[in-house]
Amino acid sequence: MKLIIDEAKASNYLSKILQQNFQLKSIKQLGAGILGIAYRLELEVEGEKRLLVLKTLSSKGFGQDFSADRANRLIYAHSVYNKLLNHVKSYDVGAILNDGSLTSLSEADEFFLIMDFIDGQSYAEDLERIKERGTSTVLDIERVKILAEYEAKIHSSRIDNPPLYIRRIRDLIGRGDCIMGIIDTYKNCEKTLNFTSVKEFKSI
């Protein structure tokens, strides 16, 4: 992952963050490891040298394969670094844009998507109807076929990245919005569920 940072645009960004007059002398790679790359920013402030570090994360493994993974970790780091006793100060968390400029994310409270509106119903409503009826209809079977064909199509494109497939299996089982997260929502499962048991849960 090669990052290009425009020094002039970086200087404009830093002026908003630091709120003081300075001259950006250089941006140089400080070091690189398995988790990411750090850059040293050398500034001159009122005749004195000041050093800052811009930290990025690698896209290779360690649950950092996607930009959303890396954003999650850096946003969380910024939220806690300044609360930890004697920890190095974090001034901001941001993103590097395609044009090499830097933008801040630290003022964000929540995040959102804007998408096209598509009228329809959740497939979960179909499953609830099947549950209530105790049987499926011809339409239900057709919808299952369409869904299965869609799933087969989107998973037909494979990439040569075995660690990513292992990570995805682990996510499917352990992530909060996947299998274990769903299981966590069950209350008194030994009384309310008839498709599994506490013993099976523990074995998983």
C-alpha atoms as a PDB file:
ATOM      1  CA  MET A   1       0.000   0.000   0.000  1.00  0.00           C
ATOM      2  CA  LYS A   2       1.844   3.078  -1.251  1.00  0.00           C
ATOM      3  CA  LEU A   3       0.664   6.356   0.238  1.00  0.00           C
ATOM      4  CA  ILE A   4       1.350   9.726  -1.310  1.00  0.00           C
ATOM      5  CA  ILE A   5       1.044  12.740   0.976  1.00  0.00           C
ATOM      6  CA  ASP A   6       1.072  16.192  -0.576  1.00  0.00           C
ATOM      7  CA  GLU A   7       3.267  18.334   1.697  1.00  0.00           C
ATOM      8  CA  ALA A   8       1.539  21.623   0.875  1.00  0.00           C
ATOM      9  CA  LYS A   9      -1.895  20.165   1.561  1.00  0.00           C
ATOM     10  CA  ALA A  10      -0.582  18.440   4.684  1.00  0.00           C
ATOM     11  CA  SER A  11       0.658  21.817   5.913  1.00  0.00           C
ATOM     12  CA  ASN A  12      -2.814  23.329   5.438  1.00  0.00           C
ATOM     13  CA  TYR A  13      -4.338  20.448   7.379  1.00  0.00           C
ATOM     14  CA  LEU A  14      -1.836  20.740  10.244  1.00  0.00           C
ATOM     15  CA  SER A  15      -2.472  24.467  10.605  1.00  0.00           C
ATOM     16  CA  LYS A  16      -6.091  23.692  11.456  1.00  0.00           C
ATOM     17  CA  ILE A  17      -5.123  20.978  13.943  1.00  0.00           C
ATOM     18  CA  LEU A  18      -2.228  22.693  15.726  1.00  0.00           C
ATOM     19  CA  GLN A  19      -3.649  26.225  15.715  1.00  0.00           C
ATOM     20  CA  GLN A  20      -0.212  27.859  15.533  1.00  0.00           C
ATOM     21  CA  ASN A  21       2.230  29.247  12.993  1.00  0.00           C
ATOM     22  CA  PHE A  22       4.847  26.800  11.716  1.00  0.00           C
ATOM     23  CA  GLN A  23       6.766  25.693   8.660  1.00  0.00           C
ATOM     24  CA  LEU A  24       6.559  22.059   7.547  1.00  0.00           C
ATOM     25  CA  LYS A  25      10.159  21.139   6.752  1.00  0.00           C
ATOM     26  CA  SER A  26       9.772  17.512   5.681  1.00  0.00           C
ATOM     27  CA  ILE A  27       7.711  14.328   5.736  1.00  0.00           C
ATOM     28  CA  LYS A  28       9.870  11.197   5.841  1.00  0.00           C
ATOM     29  CA  GLN A  29       9.154   7.539   6.450  1.00  0.00           C
ATOM     30  CA  LEU A  30      10.191   6.805  10.008  1.00  0.00           C
ATOM     31  CA  GLY A  31       9.842   3.055   9.984  1.00  0.00           C
ATOM     32  CA  ALA A  32       7.816   0.134   8.700  1.00  0.00           C
ATOM     33  CA  GLY A  33       6.664  -3.020  10.462  1.00  0.00           C
ATOM     34  CA  ILE A  34       4.156  -5.803  10.089  1.00  0.00           C
ATOM     35  CA  LEU A  35       1.352  -3.589  11.408  1.00  0.00           C
ATOM     36  CA  GLY A  36       1.998  -0.452   9.398  1.00  0.00           C
ATOM     37  CA  ILE A  37       4.195   2.485   8.443  1.00  0.00           C
ATOM     38  CA  ALA A  38       4.981   5.615  10.422  1.00  0.00           C
ATOM     39  CA  TYR A  39       6.043   8.960   8.961  1.00  0.00           C
ATOM     40  CA  ARG A  40       8.055  11.637  10.727  1.00  0.00           C
ATOM     41  CA  LEU A  41       6.804  15.192  10.246  1.00  0.00           C
ATOM     42  CA  GLU A  42       9.437  17.819  10.980  1.00  0.00           C
ATOM     43  CA  LEU A  43       8.102  21.292  11.750  1.00  0.00           C
ATOM     44  CA  GLU A  44       9.747  24.557  12.651  1.00  0.00           C
ATOM     45  CA  VAL A  45       7.748  26.465  15.251  1.00  0.00           C
ATOM     46  CA  GLU A  46       9.084  29.891  16.299  1.00  0.00           C
ATOM     47  CA  GLY A  47      12.612  28.831  15.412  1.00  0.00           C
ATOM     48  CA  GLU A  48      12.385  25.541  17.284  1.00  0.00           C
ATOM     49  CA  LYS A  49      12.252  22.060  15.741  1.00  0.00           C
ATOM     50  CA  ARG A  50       9.141  20.025  16.534  1.00  0.00           C
ATOM     51  CA  LEU A  51       8.530  16.428  15.513  1.00  0.00           C
ATOM     52  CA  LEU A  52       5.201  14.683  14.969  1.00  0.00           C
ATOM     53  CA  VAL A  53       4.382  11.161  13.830  1.00  0.00           C
ATOM     54  CA  LEU A  54       1.725  10.216  11.286  1.00  0.00           C
ATOM     55  CA  LYS A  55       0.841   6.552  11.777  1.00  0.00           C
ATOM     56  CA  THR A  56      -0.796   4.342   9.156  1.00  0.00           C
ATOM     57  CA  LEU A  57      -1.739   0.667   9.265  1.00  0.00           C
ATOM     58  CA  SER A  58      -0.873  -2.145   6.880  1.00  0.00           C
ATOM     59  CA  SER A  59      -3.518  -3.818   4.723  1.00  0.00           C
ATOM     60  CA  LYS A  60      -1.885  -7.251   5.022  1.00  0.00           C
ATOM     61  CA  GLY A  61      -3.443  -9.460   7.675  1.00  0.00           C
ATOM     62  CA  PHE A  62      -3.988  -8.928  11.402  1.00  0.00           C
ATOM     63  CA  GLY A  63      -7.635  -8.083  10.753  1.00  0.00           C
ATOM     64  CA  GLN A  64      -6.594  -4.938   8.839  1.00  0.00           C
ATOM     65  CA  ASP A  65      -7.362  -6.173   5.326  1.00  0.00           C
ATOM     66  CA  PHE A  66      -9.937  -3.498   4.509  1.00  0.00           C
ATOM     67  CA  SER A  67      -9.836   0.270   4.927  1.00  0.00           C
ATOM     68  CA  ALA A  68     -12.844  -0.001   7.259  1.00  0.00           C
ATOM     69  CA  ASP A  69     -10.775  -2.262   9.557  1.00  0.00           C
ATOM     70  CA  ARG A  70      -7.955   0.244   9.687  1.00  0.00           C
ATOM     71  CA  ALA A  71     -10.310   3.173  10.228  1.00  0.00           C
ATOM     72  CA  ASN A  72     -11.934   1.323  13.125  1.00  0.00           C
ATOM     73  CA  ARG A  73      -8.620   0.769  14.900  1.00  0.00           C
ATOM     74  CA  LEU A  74      -7.287   4.276  14.398  1.00  0.00           C
ATOM     75  CA  ILE A  75     -10.536   5.988  15.418  1.00  0.00           C
ATOM     76  CA  TYR A  76     -10.633   3.872  18.570  1.00  0.00           C
ATOM     77  CA  ALA A  77      -6.947   4.583  19.305  1.00  0.00           C
ATOM     78  CA  HIS A  78      -7.558   8.334  19.041  1.00  0.00           C
ATOM     79  CA  SER A  79     -10.539   8.056  21.393  1.00  0.00           C
ATOM     80  CA  VAL A  80      -8.512   6.377  24.160  1.00  0.00           C
ATOM     81  CA  TYR A  81      -4.880   7.562  23.841  1.00  0.00           C
ATOM     82  CA  ASN A  82      -5.536  10.896  25.540  1.00  0.00           C
ATOM     83  CA  LYS A  83      -7.374   9.169  28.400  1.00  0.00           C
ATOM     84  CA  LEU A  84      -4.481   6.829  29.244  1.00  0.00           C
ATOM     85  CA  LEU A  85      -2.056   7.877  31.950  1.00  0.00           C
ATOM     86  CA  ASN A  86       1.254   9.192  30.536  1.00  0.00           C
ATOM     87  CA  HIS A  87       0.394   8.046  27.000  1.00  0.00           C
ATOM     88  CA  VAL A  88       1.681   9.923  23.964  1.00  0.00           C
ATOM     89  CA  LYS A  89      -0.826  12.584  22.887  1.00  0.00           C
ATOM     90  CA  SER A  90      -3.023  12.046  19.844  1.00  0.00           C
ATOM     91  CA  TYR A  91      -3.884  15.315  18.123  1.00  0.00           C
ATOM     92  CA  ASP A  92      -6.261  13.963  15.514  1.00  0.00           C
ATOM     93  CA  VAL A  93      -7.385  10.953  13.516  1.00  0.00           C
ATOM     94  CA  GLY A  94      -7.911  11.406   9.821  1.00  0.00           C
ATOM     95  CA  ALA A  95      -7.818  10.029   6.317  1.00  0.00           C
ATOM     96  CA  ILE A  96      -5.482  10.425   3.361  1.00  0.00           C
ATOM     97  CA  LEU A  97      -7.485  11.365   0.263  1.00  0.00           C
ATOM     98  CA  ASN A  98      -6.791  10.419  -3.336  1.00  0.00           C
ATOM     99  CA  ASP A  99      -5.202  13.788  -4.066  1.00  0.00           C
ATOM    100  CA  GLY A 100      -2.686  13.406  -1.221  1.00  0.00           C
ATOM    101  CA  SER A 101      -4.492  15.773   1.141  1.00  0.00           C
ATOM    102  CA  LEU A 102      -5.393  14.982   4.736  1.00  0.00           C
ATOM    103  CA  THR A 103      -8.828  15.336   6.305  1.00  0.00           C
ATOM    104  CA  SER A 104      -9.904  15.088   9.933  1.00  0.00           C
ATOM    105  CA  LEU A 105     -12.377  12.550  11.302  1.00  0.00           C
ATOM    106  CA  SER A 106     -12.060  13.401  14.994  1.00  0.00           C
ATOM    107  CA  GLU A 107     -15.211  15.535  15.149  1.00  0.00           C
ATOM    108  CA  ALA A 108     -17.427  12.669  13.970  1.00  0.00           C
ATOM    109  CA  ASP A 109     -19.895  11.276  16.522  1.00  0.00           C
ATOM    110  CA  GLU A 110     -21.527   8.679  14.305  1.00  0.00           C
ATOM    111  CA  PHE A 111     -21.134   7.471  10.735  1.00  0.00           C
ATOM    112  CA  PHE A 112     -23.721   6.916   8.024  1.00  0.00           C
ATOM    113  CA  LEU A 113     -24.414   5.763   4.493  1.00  0.00           C
ATOM    114  CA  ILE A 114     -26.525   7.436   1.830  1.00  0.00           C
ATOM    115  CA  MET A 115     -27.987   4.959  -0.671  1.00  0.00           C
ATOM    116  CA  ASP A 116     -30.757   4.581  -3.212  1.00  0.00           C
ATOM    117  CA  PHE A 117     -34.163   3.710  -1.781  1.00  0.00           C
ATOM    118  CA  ILE A 118     -35.489   0.327  -2.938  1.00  0.00           C
ATOM    119  CA  ASP A 119     -39.045  -0.611  -1.984  1.00  0.00           C
ATOM    120  CA  GLY A 120     -39.520  -4.119  -0.629  1.00  0.00           C
ATOM    121  CA  GLN A 121     -39.639  -6.360   2.424  1.00  0.00           C
ATOM    122  CA  SER A 122     -36.987  -8.004   4.534  1.00  0.00           C
ATOM    123  CA  TYR A 123     -36.383 -11.696   3.784  1.00  0.00           C
ATOM    124  CA  ALA A 124     -36.711 -12.246   7.538  1.00  0.00           C
ATOM    125  CA  GLU A 125     -40.448 -11.592   7.144  1.00  0.00           C
ATOM    126  CA  ASP A 126     -40.657 -14.554   4.738  1.00  0.00           C
ATOM    127  CA  LEU A 127     -38.941 -16.748   7.299  1.00  0.00           C
ATOM    128  CA  GLU A 128     -41.351 -15.611  10.008  1.00  0.00           C
ATOM    129  CA  ARG A 129     -44.318 -16.515   7.786  1.00  0.00           C
ATOM    130  CA  ILE A 130     -42.845 -19.949   7.085  1.00  0.00           C
ATOM    131  CA  LYS A 131     -42.368 -20.426  10.807  1.00  0.00           C
ATOM    132  CA  GLU A 132     -45.987 -19.477  11.527  1.00  0.00           C
ATOM    133  CA  ARG A 133     -47.402 -21.700   8.760  1.00  0.00           C
ATOM    134  CA  GLY A 134     -45.093 -24.607   9.519  1.00  0.00           C
ATOM    135  CA  THR A 135     -44.577 -25.212   5.807  1.00  0.00           C
ATOM    136  CA  SER A 136     -43.142 -23.495   2.720  1.00  0.00           C
ATOM    137  CA  THR A 137     -44.907 -22.508  -0.496  1.00  0.00           C
ATOM    138  CA  VAL A 138     -43.792 -22.758  -4.128  1.00  0.00           C
ATOM    139  CA  LEU A 139     -42.968 -19.026  -3.973  1.00  0.00           C
ATOM    140  CA  ASP A 140     -40.810 -19.592  -0.894  1.00  0.00           C
ATOM    141  CA  ILE A 141     -38.822 -22.274  -2.728  1.00  0.00           C
ATOM    142  CA  GLU A 142     -38.352 -20.017  -5.751  1.00  0.00           C
ATOM    143  CA  ARG A 143     -37.060 -17.216  -3.540  1.00  0.00           C
ATOM    144  CA  VAL A 144     -34.594 -19.591  -1.889  1.00  0.00           C
ATOM    145  CA  LYS A 145     -33.318 -20.623  -5.334  1.00  0.00           C
ATOM    146  CA  ILE A 146     -32.888 -17.000  -6.390  1.00  0.00           C
ATOM    147  CA  LEU A 147     -31.038 -16.193  -3.159  1.00  0.00           C
ATOM    148  CA  ALA A 148     -28.809 -19.279  -3.509  1.00  0.00           C
ATOM    149  CA  GLU A 149     -27.958 -18.384  -7.116  1.00  0.00           C
ATOM    150  CA  TYR A 150     -27.119 -14.841  -6.074  1.00  0.00           C
ATOM    151  CA  GLU A 151     -24.867 -16.063  -3.242  1.00  0.00           C
ATOM    152  CA  ALA A 152     -23.121 -18.513  -5.579  1.00  0.00           C
ATOM    153  CA  LYS A 153     -22.515 -15.749  -8.107  1.00  0.00           C
ATOM    154  CA  ILE A 154     -21.036 -13.205  -5.691  1.00  0.00           C
ATOM    155  CA  HIS A 155     -18.767 -15.869  -4.161  1.00  0.00           C
ATOM    156  CA  SER A 156     -17.606 -17.300  -7.494  1.00  0.00           C
ATOM    157  CA  SER A 157     -14.824 -14.738  -7.865  1.00  0.00           C
ATOM    158  CA  ARG A 158     -11.843 -15.929  -5.814  1.00  0.00           C
ATOM    159  CA  ILE A 159      -8.569 -14.277  -4.932  1.00  0.00           C
ATOM    160  CA  ASP A 160      -5.218 -15.793  -4.021  1.00  0.00           C
ATOM    161  CA  ASN A 161      -5.165 -14.768  -0.364  1.00  0.00           C
ATOM    162  CA  PRO A 162      -5.564 -17.800   1.989  1.00  0.00           C
ATOM    163  CA  PRO A 163      -5.083 -15.739   5.202  1.00  0.00           C
ATOM    164  CA  LEU A 164      -8.042 -13.555   4.211  1.00  0.00           C
ATOM    165  CA  TYR A 165     -10.309 -16.600   3.841  1.00  0.00           C
ATOM    166  CA  ILE A 166      -9.212 -17.819   7.280  1.00  0.00           C
ATOM    167  CA  ARG A 167      -9.935 -14.379   8.719  1.00  0.00           C
ATOM    168  CA  ARG A 168     -13.399 -14.355   7.128  1.00  0.00           C
ATOM    169  CA  ILE A 169     -14.267 -17.743   8.653  1.00  0.00           C
ATOM    170  CA  ARG A 170     -13.120 -16.504  12.044  1.00  0.00           C
ATOM    171  CA  ASP A 171     -15.195 -13.326  11.608  1.00  0.00           C
ATOM    172  CA  LEU A 172     -18.254 -15.381  10.653  1.00  0.00           C
ATOM    173  CA  ILE A 173     -18.019 -17.276  13.929  1.00  0.00           C
ATOM    174  CA  GLY A 174     -16.730 -14.729  16.400  1.00  0.00           C
ATOM    175  CA  ARG A 175     -17.704 -11.213  15.306  1.00  0.00           C
ATOM    176  CA  GLY A 176     -20.365  -9.369  17.258  1.00  0.00           C
ATOM    177  CA  ASP A 177     -22.637  -9.067  14.224  1.00  0.00           C
ATOM    178  CA  CYS A 178     -22.204 -12.724  13.205  1.00  0.00           C
ATOM    179  CA  ILE A 179     -22.853 -16.136  14.801  1.00  0.00           C
ATOM    180  CA  MET A 180     -21.600 -15.475  18.334  1.00  0.00           C
ATOM    181  CA  GLY A 181     -23.223 -12.058  18.373  1.00  0.00           C
ATOM    182  CA  ILE A 182     -26.562 -13.631  17.451  1.00  0.00           C
ATOM    183  CA  ILE A 183     -26.121 -16.300  20.132  1.00  0.00           C
ATOM    184  CA  ASP A 184     -25.438 -13.558  22.696  1.00  0.00           C
ATOM    185  CA  THR A 185     -28.942 -12.207  22.094  1.00  0.00           C
ATOM    186  CA  TYR A 186     -30.609 -15.449  23.177  1.00  0.00           C
ATOM    187  CA  LYS A 187     -32.046 -15.451  26.705  1.00  0.00           C
ATOM    188  CA  ASN A 188     -32.503 -18.648  28.690  1.00  0.00           C
ATOM    189  CA  CYS A 189     -31.593 -20.629  25.581  1.00  0.00           C
ATOM    190  CA  GLU A 190     -32.020 -23.977  27.344  1.00  0.00           C
ATOM    191  CA  LYS A 191     -35.721 -23.135  27.772  1.00  0.00           C
ATOM    192  CA  THR A 192     -36.549 -21.214  24.611  1.00  0.00           C
ATOM    193  CA  LEU A 193     -34.542 -22.919  21.829  1.00  0.00           C
ATOM    194  CA  ASN A 194     -35.236 -26.347  20.435  1.00  0.00           C
ATOM    195  CA  PHE A 195     -32.634 -26.542  17.669  1.00  0.00           C
ATOM    196  CA  THR A 196     -29.554 -26.650  19.899  1.00  0.00           C
ATOM    197  CA  SER A 197     -28.452 -27.028  23.498  1.00  0.00           C
ATOM    198  CA  VAL A 198     -26.225 -25.367  26.079  1.00  0.00           C
ATOM    199  CA  LYS A 199     -23.820 -28.289  25.692  1.00  0.00           C
ATOM    200  CA  GLU A 200     -23.571 -27.670  21.929  1.00  0.00           C
ATOM    201  CA  PHE A 201     -23.040 -23.940  22.497  1.00  0.00           C
ATOM    202  CA  LYS A 202     -20.162 -24.704  24.867  1.00  0.00           C
ATOM    203  CA  SER A 203     -18.602 -27.164  22.442  1.00  0.00           C
ATOM    204  CA  ILE A 204     -18.624 -24.507  19.725  1.00  0.00           C
END
